[in-house]
Protein backbone atom coordinates (compact mmCIF):
# COMPACT_ATOMS: atom_id res chain seq x y z
CA MET A 1 -50.77 7.91 -13.15
CA GLY A 2 -47.15 8.27 -13.27
CA THR A 3 -45.26 9.55 -16.42
CA PRO A 4 -43.45 6.66 -18.12
CA PHE A 5 -39.65 6.79 -18.22
CA LYS A 6 -39.47 6.76 -21.83
CA ASN A 7 -41.61 10.28 -21.78
CA LEU A 8 -39.19 11.79 -19.06
CA ASP A 9 -37.32 14.86 -20.23
CA ASP A 10 -33.70 14.54 -21.04
CA LEU A 11 -32.71 16.81 -18.14
CA VAL A 12 -34.82 14.83 -15.76
CA LEU A 13 -33.02 11.59 -16.71
CA LEU A 14 -29.79 13.27 -16.69
CA ARG A 15 -30.26 14.13 -13.23
CA ILE A 16 -31.48 10.71 -12.17
CA PHE A 17 -28.41 9.19 -13.91
CA SER A 18 -26.00 11.67 -12.14
CA PHE A 19 -26.87 9.53 -8.74
CA LEU A 20 -25.96 6.11 -10.11
CA PRO A 21 -22.88 4.30 -9.55
CA SER A 22 -21.10 3.68 -12.71
CA LYS A 23 -21.76 -0.24 -12.91
CA HIS A 24 -25.71 0.58 -12.95
CA LEU A 25 -24.99 3.19 -15.68
CA HIS A 26 -23.33 0.79 -17.62
CA ARG A 27 -26.54 -1.39 -17.58
CA SER A 28 -28.86 1.55 -18.30
CA MET A 29 -27.13 1.94 -21.52
CA ARG A 30 -28.47 -1.30 -22.55
CA VAL A 31 -32.21 -0.17 -22.35
CA CYS A 32 -32.35 2.15 -25.50
CA LYS A 33 -30.75 4.44 -27.67
CA LYS A 34 -31.90 7.55 -25.63
CA TRP A 35 -30.68 6.24 -22.23
CA ASN A 36 -27.27 5.02 -23.79
CA HIS A 37 -26.77 8.53 -25.06
CA LEU A 38 -27.72 10.20 -21.68
CA ALA A 39 -25.64 7.54 -19.75
CA ASN A 40 -22.64 8.25 -21.89
CA GLU A 41 -22.93 11.84 -21.33
CA VAL A 42 -22.89 11.52 -17.45
CA MET A 43 -19.85 8.96 -17.75
CA ARG A 44 -17.94 11.50 -19.92
CA ASN A 45 -18.61 14.22 -17.45
CA ARG A 46 -17.53 12.13 -14.54
CA GLN A 47 -14.31 10.81 -16.02
CA SER A 48 -13.00 14.57 -16.46
CA TYR A 49 -13.05 15.34 -12.64
CA PRO A 50 -11.36 13.86 -9.51
CA GLN A 51 -13.05 11.59 -7.32
CA THR A 52 -12.36 10.57 -3.69
CA PHE A 53 -13.60 8.03 -1.12
CA VAL A 54 -12.80 7.32 2.49
CA TYR A 55 -12.23 3.80 4.13
CA GLN A 56 -11.94 2.78 7.69
CA LEU A 57 -11.32 -0.55 9.30
CA LYS A 58 -14.22 -0.92 11.68
CA ASP A 59 -13.20 -3.88 13.66
CA ASN A 60 -10.40 -6.13 14.32
CA ARG A 61 -12.54 -8.89 12.95
CA ASP A 62 -12.95 -7.47 10.05
CA LYS A 63 -10.14 -9.63 8.38
CA MET A 64 -8.61 -9.87 4.76
CA LYS A 65 -11.63 -11.20 3.06
CA ASN A 66 -13.91 -8.34 4.24
CA PHE A 67 -11.13 -5.86 3.49
CA ASP A 68 -10.89 -7.21 -0.14
CA GLU A 69 -14.69 -7.34 -0.78
CA LYS A 70 -14.88 -3.86 0.29
CA ILE A 71 -12.18 -2.17 -1.32
CA HIS A 72 -12.76 -4.08 -4.41
CA SER A 73 -16.13 -2.85 -4.22
CA ASP A 74 -15.24 0.96 -3.74
CA LEU A 75 -12.77 0.75 -6.54
CA GLU A 76 -15.50 -0.31 -8.91
CA GLU A 77 -17.11 3.09 -8.21
CA ILE A 78 -14.04 4.99 -9.59
CA TRP A 79 -15.65 6.26 -12.75
CA CYS A 80 -12.68 8.32 -13.86
CA LYS A 81 -9.69 6.90 -15.52
CA PRO A 82 -7.11 8.04 -13.07
CA ALA A 83 -3.79 9.33 -14.24
CA LEU A 84 -2.70 9.69 -10.54
CA SER A 85 -3.99 8.25 -7.06
CA VAL A 86 -3.09 9.80 -3.82
CA PHE A 87 -3.70 8.03 -0.33
CA PHE A 88 -3.83 9.75 3.00
CA LEU A 89 -3.28 7.29 5.72
CA ASN A 90 -3.73 7.53 9.44
CA SER A 91 -0.73 6.61 11.71
CA PRO A 92 -2.24 3.01 12.80
CA ALA A 93 -1.88 2.00 8.99
CA PHE A 94 0.59 -0.44 10.12
CA PHE A 95 -1.45 -3.21 11.63
CA GLU A 96 -1.41 -7.22 11.72
CA SER A 97 -5.23 -7.69 12.20
CA LEU A 98 -5.56 -8.28 8.16
CA SER A 99 -2.71 -10.96 8.03
CA GLU A 100 -2.29 -14.37 9.60
CA SER A 101 1.29 -13.78 9.61
CA SER A 102 2.49 -10.81 11.32
CA ASN A 103 5.40 -11.47 13.13
CA GLY A 104 9.01 -10.40 12.79
CA ASN A 105 10.57 -7.07 11.59
CA ASP A 106 9.56 -5.43 8.54
CA GLN A 107 11.97 -6.77 5.68
CA ASN A 108 10.97 -4.42 3.06
CA CYS A 109 12.15 -1.12 4.83
CA ASP A 110 15.25 -0.09 3.51
CA TYR A 111 15.90 3.03 5.65
CA PRO A 112 16.25 3.44 9.37
CA LYS A 113 13.50 4.54 11.65
CA SER A 114 12.76 8.17 12.35
CA LYS A 115 14.42 9.18 15.60
CA ARG A 116 12.03 11.92 15.97
CA LEU A 117 8.73 10.78 14.62
CA LYS A 118 8.66 7.11 15.54
CA THR A 119 6.31 4.91 13.50
CA GLU A 120 5.89 1.13 14.51
CA HIS A 121 6.59 -1.02 11.47
CA LYS A 122 4.98 -4.41 10.82
CA LYS A 123 5.02 -6.96 8.12
CA ASP A 124 1.77 -5.44 6.58
CA THR A 125 0.85 -2.29 5.78
CA MET A 126 -2.29 -0.82 4.41
CA SER A 127 -0.43 0.69 1.65
CA LYS A 128 0.80 -2.60 0.62
CA LEU A 129 -2.59 -4.03 0.54
CA ILE A 130 -4.09 -0.89 -1.48
CA LYS A 131 -0.98 -1.36 -3.88
CA ASN A 132 -2.22 -5.07 -4.77
CA LYS A 133 -5.71 -3.64 -5.60
CA LEU A 134 -4.45 -0.96 -8.24
CA ALA A 135 -3.10 -1.12 -11.66
CA LEU A 136 0.77 -1.52 -11.63
CA ASN A 137 1.24 1.43 -14.17
CA LEU A 138 -0.74 3.83 -11.96
CA PRO A 139 1.17 6.36 -10.30
CA LYS A 140 0.63 6.09 -6.67
CA LEU A 141 1.47 8.43 -3.62
CA PHE A 142 0.84 7.48 0.14
CA ILE A 143 1.02 10.04 2.79
CA THR A 144 1.11 8.89 6.56
CA GLY A 145 0.19 11.67 8.86
CA ASP A 146 -1.34 11.92 12.36
CA GLY A 147 -4.79 11.51 10.94
CA ILE A 148 -6.91 11.73 7.62
CA VAL A 149 -9.81 14.11 6.55
CA GLY A 150 -12.32 12.87 4.41
CA SER A 151 -16.17 13.45 3.32
CA ASP A 152 -19.09 11.04 2.49
CA LYS A 153 -22.32 12.21 1.69
CA ASN A 154 -21.76 15.72 2.72
CA SER A 155 -20.60 14.86 6.11
CA GLY A 156 -17.02 15.46 6.98
CA ILE A 157 -14.85 12.48 8.44
CA GLU A 158 -11.64 13.29 10.60
CA ILE A 159 -9.89 9.95 12.05
CA GLU A 160 -7.02 10.95 14.28
CA SER A 161 -4.03 9.04 15.43
CA ASP A 162 -5.84 7.84 18.71
CA CYS A 163 -8.30 5.71 16.36
CA GLU A 164 -6.87 2.25 16.87
CA GLN A 165 -7.99 1.05 13.62
CA PRO A 166 -6.37 1.87 10.08
CA ALA A 167 -8.04 4.23 7.56
CA PHE A 168 -7.30 6.27 4.50
CA SER A 169 -8.61 9.09 2.58
CA SER A 170 -8.07 8.68 -1.33
CA LEU A 171 -8.17 10.90 -4.23
CA PHE A 172 -8.15 9.70 -7.84
CA ILE A 173 -7.19 12.28 -10.40
CA PRO A 174 -8.31 11.73 -14.12
CA HIS A 175 -6.41 12.82 -17.34
CA ASN A 176 -8.02 16.09 -18.68
CA GLY A 177 -6.98 18.40 -21.50
CA SER A 178 -7.54 21.56 -19.27
CA TYR A 179 -5.84 20.82 -16.22
CA ARG A 180 -3.60 18.20 -14.56
CA PHE A 181 -1.98 17.32 -11.29
CA GLU A 182 1.85 16.80 -11.28
CA TYR A 183 3.85 15.40 -8.49
CA LYS A 184 7.53 15.88 -7.99
CA PRO A 185 9.43 13.75 -5.34
CA VAL A 186 12.64 14.89 -4.06
CA TYR A 187 14.56 11.85 -2.66
CA PHE A 188 17.05 11.46 0.51
CA LYS A 189 20.68 12.10 -0.77
CA THR A 190 19.14 14.21 -3.69
CA LYS A 191 19.89 17.84 -3.69
CA LEU A 192 16.58 19.99 -3.84
CA PRO A 193 16.94 22.29 -7.04
CA GLU A 194 17.17 26.02 -6.45
CA LEU A 195 13.96 27.47 -7.25
CA LYS A 196 14.73 31.15 -7.39
CA THR A 197 12.93 32.37 -10.38
CA GLU A 198 9.27 31.63 -12.22
CA GLN A 199 11.49 29.89 -14.93
CA ASP A 200 13.04 27.62 -12.34
CA LEU A 201 9.79 26.71 -10.71
CA ASP A 202 8.01 26.09 -14.20
CA LYS A 203 10.90 23.93 -15.29
CA PHE A 204 11.02 21.75 -12.10
CA LEU A 205 7.14 21.19 -12.12
CA GLY A 206 6.88 20.57 -15.82
CA VAL A 207 4.84 23.80 -16.77
CA LYS A 208 4.38 24.02 -20.45
CA GLN A 209 3.91 27.04 -22.42
CA ASN A 210 0.27 28.40 -22.13
CA GLU A 211 -0.04 26.59 -18.77
CA GLU A 212 -0.01 28.21 -15.23
CA ILE A 213 0.45 26.89 -11.60
CA LYS A 214 -2.90 27.15 -9.72
CA PHE A 215 -2.11 25.18 -6.44
CA LEU A 216 0.79 23.64 -4.74
CA LEU A 217 0.43 20.92 -2.11
CA LEU A 218 4.01 20.59 -0.18
CA LEU A 219 4.53 17.24 1.57
CA VAL A 220 7.47 17.11 3.76
CA ASP A 221 8.94 14.07 5.51
CA GLY A 222 9.48 14.80 9.21
CA TYR A 223 13.44 14.14 8.94
CA SER A 224 13.75 17.11 6.48
CA ASP A 225 11.58 20.01 7.61
CA SER A 226 14.76 21.84 8.32
CA LYS A 227 15.14 22.18 4.42
CA LEU A 228 11.57 24.01 4.15
CA ILE A 229 12.13 27.65 5.22
CA PRO A 230 14.58 28.59 2.35
CA LEU A 231 12.23 26.86 0.10
CA LEU A 232 9.23 28.92 1.14
CA ASN A 233 11.16 32.06 0.97
CA ASN A 234 11.97 31.54 -2.94
CA LEU A 235 8.30 30.53 -3.53
CA ASN A 236 7.22 33.88 -1.68
CA ARG A 237 9.48 35.69 -4.02
CA ILE A 238 7.76 34.12 -7.15
CA ARG A 239 4.28 34.65 -5.60
CA LYS A 240 5.00 38.14 -4.89
CA ILE A 241 5.96 38.97 -8.60
CA LYS A 242 2.89 37.06 -9.82
CA ILE A 243 0.38 38.63 -7.49
CA GLU A 244 1.64 42.31 -8.61
CA ARG A 245 1.23 41.32 -12.15
CA ASP A 246 -2.18 39.59 -11.57
CA VAL A 247 -3.32 38.10 -8.38
CA LYS A 248 -5.50 35.53 -10.40
CA LYS A 249 -2.22 34.21 -12.04
CA SER A 250 -0.38 33.59 -8.71
CA PHE A 251 -1.07 30.23 -6.85
CA ALA A 252 -2.12 28.87 -3.43
CA CYS A 253 0.00 26.88 -1.18
CA SER A 254 -0.46 24.43 1.33
CA GLY A 255 0.77 21.41 3.04
CA GLY A 256 2.57 20.06 6.32
CA ILE A 257 5.11 17.74 7.78
CA VAL A 258 3.80 14.33 7.90
CA LYS A 259 5.50 10.78 9.12
CA LYS A 260 6.12 9.15 5.91
CA LEU A 261 5.98 9.71 2.12
CA ASP A 262 5.87 6.50 -0.20
CA ASP A 263 5.80 7.20 -3.97
CA CYS A 264 6.20 3.50 -4.79
CA SER A 265 9.60 4.08 -6.23
CA GLY A 266 11.52 1.98 -3.56
CA LYS A 267 13.49 5.19 -2.56
CA ARG A 268 13.15 7.18 0.62
CA THR A 269 11.20 10.32 -0.30
CA LYS A 270 11.83 13.65 1.74
CA LEU A 271 9.84 15.94 0.04
CA VAL A 272 6.94 15.98 -2.51
CA PHE A 273 5.24 18.72 -4.66
CA LEU A 274 1.74 17.98 -5.70
CA CYS A 275 0.88 20.54 -8.26
CA LEU A 276 -2.31 21.62 -9.98
CA ILE A 277 -1.24 22.85 -13.48
CA SER A 278 -4.14 24.36 -15.78
CA LYS A 279 -4.41 25.92 -19.10
CA VAL A 280 -4.34 29.73 -19.25
CA GLU A 281 -7.63 29.86 -21.18
CA SER A 282 -9.29 27.42 -18.71
CA LYS A 283 -11.72 28.50 -16.06
CA CYS A 284 -9.86 26.67 -13.12
CA LYS A 285 -10.38 28.76 -9.90
CA VAL A 286 -8.53 28.56 -6.56
CA SER A 287 -8.91 29.93 -3.35
CA GLN A 288 -7.64 29.27 0.32
CA ILE A 289 -7.94 30.31 3.81
CA VAL A 290 -5.89 29.86 6.99
CA ILE A 291 -7.59 29.51 10.22
CA ARG A 292 -5.43 30.35 13.15
CA GLU A 293 -7.37 31.96 15.92
CA PRO A 294 -5.83 33.05 19.14
CA THR A 295 -8.15 31.76 21.44
CA GLN A 296 -10.93 28.94 21.07
CA GLN A 297 -13.68 31.70 21.70
CA GLU A 298 -12.44 33.70 18.82
CA PHE A 299 -12.80 30.95 16.41
CA ASP A 300 -16.30 31.79 15.03
CA THR A 301 -15.29 35.42 14.22
CA VAL A 302 -12.23 34.30 12.29
CA TRP A 303 -13.97 31.74 10.53
CA ASP A 304 -17.02 33.72 9.46
CA GLU A 305 -14.78 36.47 7.99
CA LYS A 306 -12.53 34.31 6.24
CA ILE A 307 -15.43 31.93 5.07
CA ASN A 308 -17.34 34.72 3.62
CA LEU A 309 -14.45 36.05 1.44
CA MET A 310 -13.92 32.57 0.20
CA LYS A 311 -17.61 32.54 -0.77
CA LYS A 312 -17.54 35.89 -2.55
CA SER A 313 -14.35 34.81 -4.46
CA GLY A 314 -16.57 33.13 -7.18
CA VAL A 315 -14.64 29.64 -6.79
CA PHE A 316 -18.07 27.80 -6.20
CA PRO A 317 -20.12 28.28 -9.18
CA ASN A 318 -20.63 24.41 -9.73
CA LYS A 319 -20.66 22.29 -6.69
CA ASP A 320 -20.19 19.04 -8.77
CA LYS A 321 -17.10 20.21 -9.98
CA CYS A 322 -15.31 21.20 -7.19
CA LEU A 323 -12.42 19.76 -4.81
CA ALA A 324 -11.38 20.73 -1.41
CA PHE A 325 -8.20 20.02 0.53
CA GLN A 326 -7.86 20.04 4.55
CA VAL A 327 -4.60 20.44 6.26
CA SER A 328 -4.85 20.50 10.02
CA CYS A 329 -2.71 20.41 13.03
CA CYS A 330 -2.85 17.25 15.09
CA GLY A 331 -3.89 19.30 17.75
CA ARG A 332 -7.38 20.62 16.25
CA GLY A 333 -9.16 17.53 16.36
CA LYS A 334 -11.97 16.46 18.63
CA ASP A 335 -10.15 17.24 21.88
CA TYR A 336 -9.80 20.90 20.85
CA HIS A 337 -13.35 21.45 19.57
CA ARG A 338 -14.92 18.77 22.03
CA GLN A 339 -16.84 17.45 18.87
CA GLU A 340 -15.78 15.13 16.37
CA ASN A 341 -15.41 15.82 12.66
CA PHE A 342 -16.13 19.68 13.58
CA GLU A 343 -13.90 21.77 11.15
CA SER A 344 -14.70 19.58 7.95
CA ASN A 345 -18.45 19.65 8.73
CA MET A 346 -18.14 23.39 9.30
CA PHE A 347 -16.73 23.61 5.74
CA LEU A 348 -18.98 21.24 4.08
CA LYS A 349 -22.07 23.10 5.59
CA GLU A 350 -20.81 26.27 3.61
CA PHE A 351 -19.76 24.36 0.62
CA PRO A 352 -22.20 21.33 0.49
CA ASN A 353 -21.41 18.28 -1.77
CA VAL A 354 -17.94 18.88 -2.09
CA SER A 355 -15.25 16.47 -2.24
CA LEU A 356 -13.00 16.89 0.94
CA VAL A 357 -9.56 15.21 1.37
CA GLY A 358 -6.49 16.14 3.51
CA PHE A 359 -4.65 14.93 6.72
CA PHE A 360 -3.62 15.81 10.15
CA GLY A 361 0.06 17.02 10.40
CA TYR A 362 2.77 17.91 12.69
CA GLY A 363 3.18 21.40 11.29
CA GLU A 364 1.33 23.07 8.48
CA VAL A 365 2.29 25.14 5.52
CA GLY A 366 -0.17 27.69 4.17
CA VAL A 367 -1.13 31.24 2.99
CA ASP A 368 -4.32 33.11 2.60
CA TYR A 369 -5.25 33.46 -1.00
CA ILE A 370 -8.56 34.91 -2.25
CA PRO A 371 -8.68 36.38 -5.64
CA ASP A 372 -11.77 38.19 -6.81
CA TYR A 373 -12.92 36.00 -9.67
CA GLY A 374 -16.13 38.05 -10.04
CA THR A 375 -14.33 40.83 -11.57
CA ASP A 376 -11.66 41.79 -14.10
CA ALA A 377 -9.90 44.03 -11.45
CA ASN A 378 -6.49 42.70 -10.07
CA LYS A 379 -7.96 42.41 -6.54
CA ASN A 380 -7.26 40.01 -3.54
CA LEU A 381 -10.26 39.97 -1.35
CA ILE A 382 -7.86 39.49 1.57
CA ASP A 383 -7.31 43.15 1.51
CA ASP A 384 -10.92 43.54 2.95
CA VAL A 385 -10.30 41.25 5.95
CA LYS A 386 -10.27 43.85 9.05
CA ASN A 387 -8.18 41.83 11.59
CA LYS A 388 -5.01 41.98 9.58
CA GLU A 389 -2.97 40.08 12.36
CA TYR A 390 -5.13 36.75 11.15
CA LEU A 391 -3.61 37.12 7.74
CA PHE A 392 -0.97 34.98 6.17
CA GLU A 393 0.21 37.15 3.09
CA ASN A 394 3.23 35.10 2.70
CA ILE A 395 3.47 31.19 2.50
CA GLN A 396 4.50 30.36 6.20
CA ALA A 397 5.60 27.30 8.00
CA THR A 398 3.21 27.35 11.05
CA GLY A 399 1.65 25.48 13.69
CA PHE A 400 -2.00 24.83 15.24
CA THR A 401 -3.59 25.84 12.06
CA SER A 402 -5.99 24.43 9.57
CA ILE A 403 -5.78 25.40 6.00
CA PHE A 404 -8.70 24.91 3.54
CA THR A 405 -8.19 25.16 -0.31
CA LEU A 406 -11.20 25.32 -2.54
CA ILE A 407 -10.89 24.28 -6.33
CA SER A 408 -13.28 24.48 -9.15
CA PHE A 409 -12.90 22.87 -12.36
CA GLN A 410 -14.56 24.36 -15.45
CA ASN A 411 -13.67 23.13 -19.02
């Protein structure tokens, strides 16, 4: 005879509840006081950490009604109370299959089309449709690249620009007392502040006393990539000072050039700093690797070496409280590897059940950053890499690379 549910151990029930969607957890709270207490504990734990999901329009016949139902259902499963939402969209995000009226020019576009990276503008965009589903006062950031990266049930998802159907990969970031994500946009016709010192960077990003920068994601509009190198030089000087003091007190930096940035301000955005800031006493950990092998045959060697260092860093103590970013060159998809979702699946094989988000870009920004969190020593594990020519010891603007950032959150 099976064990009655009321006799199950609390740890067993917590494990079962951890697999339930939020709406089912709310129903479980009504069963009894014990279930109410345990379900509330699962909900409180969930609300402290970021959440992701991926959506792709499967068919042109999937009209507005189906889109509405799907997005509404997915948003119901967002258990955290987001302080910021980030959406990575693929290039075909401009489409007319969801609207009956889609003729004419984009009347809401208040700036000229890019001469370098041409994007077709139509009346209805994926971002507009998503905005209608989210709270008006929720800060929203939309990034349109050459493709998106996401994960679902421990499988990588890479949707590139040759996909005819629009898709997005989303990240919902909650309020949390131990860490926060801040985003700072820089608009066209606005001068980029000179970030020459730690104090300049902290002031610009809003870093408070007893806080530190752990990760910086730089998103650059295709128009303004010429401004990137001076910025990276300043960031490298700041990182060098921090690394000499304590490598664990420095920060990882990733990013890339995209087609369009939209922070819903109505202004044209040329650069966005998306920054992870944590309390000094928190146990937030970050490591990052850059993969750029000289030939496809050498991919396995470079990948194994750097992934092993990342696994040794101690950033993966609790898989349920981890988040990963992938930024890849638009040339590193299925045509290069001759296999769909290749690099995202390789990463998730090593770090299962981690939420993965990201995009394909037209130029990448990255640096190898692997502190040894397993000891108190001021040690950077990239010193152990034999093939020094593969290392990015400074933040570099590069091409044909993939950058993987792994973040663990521990209150």
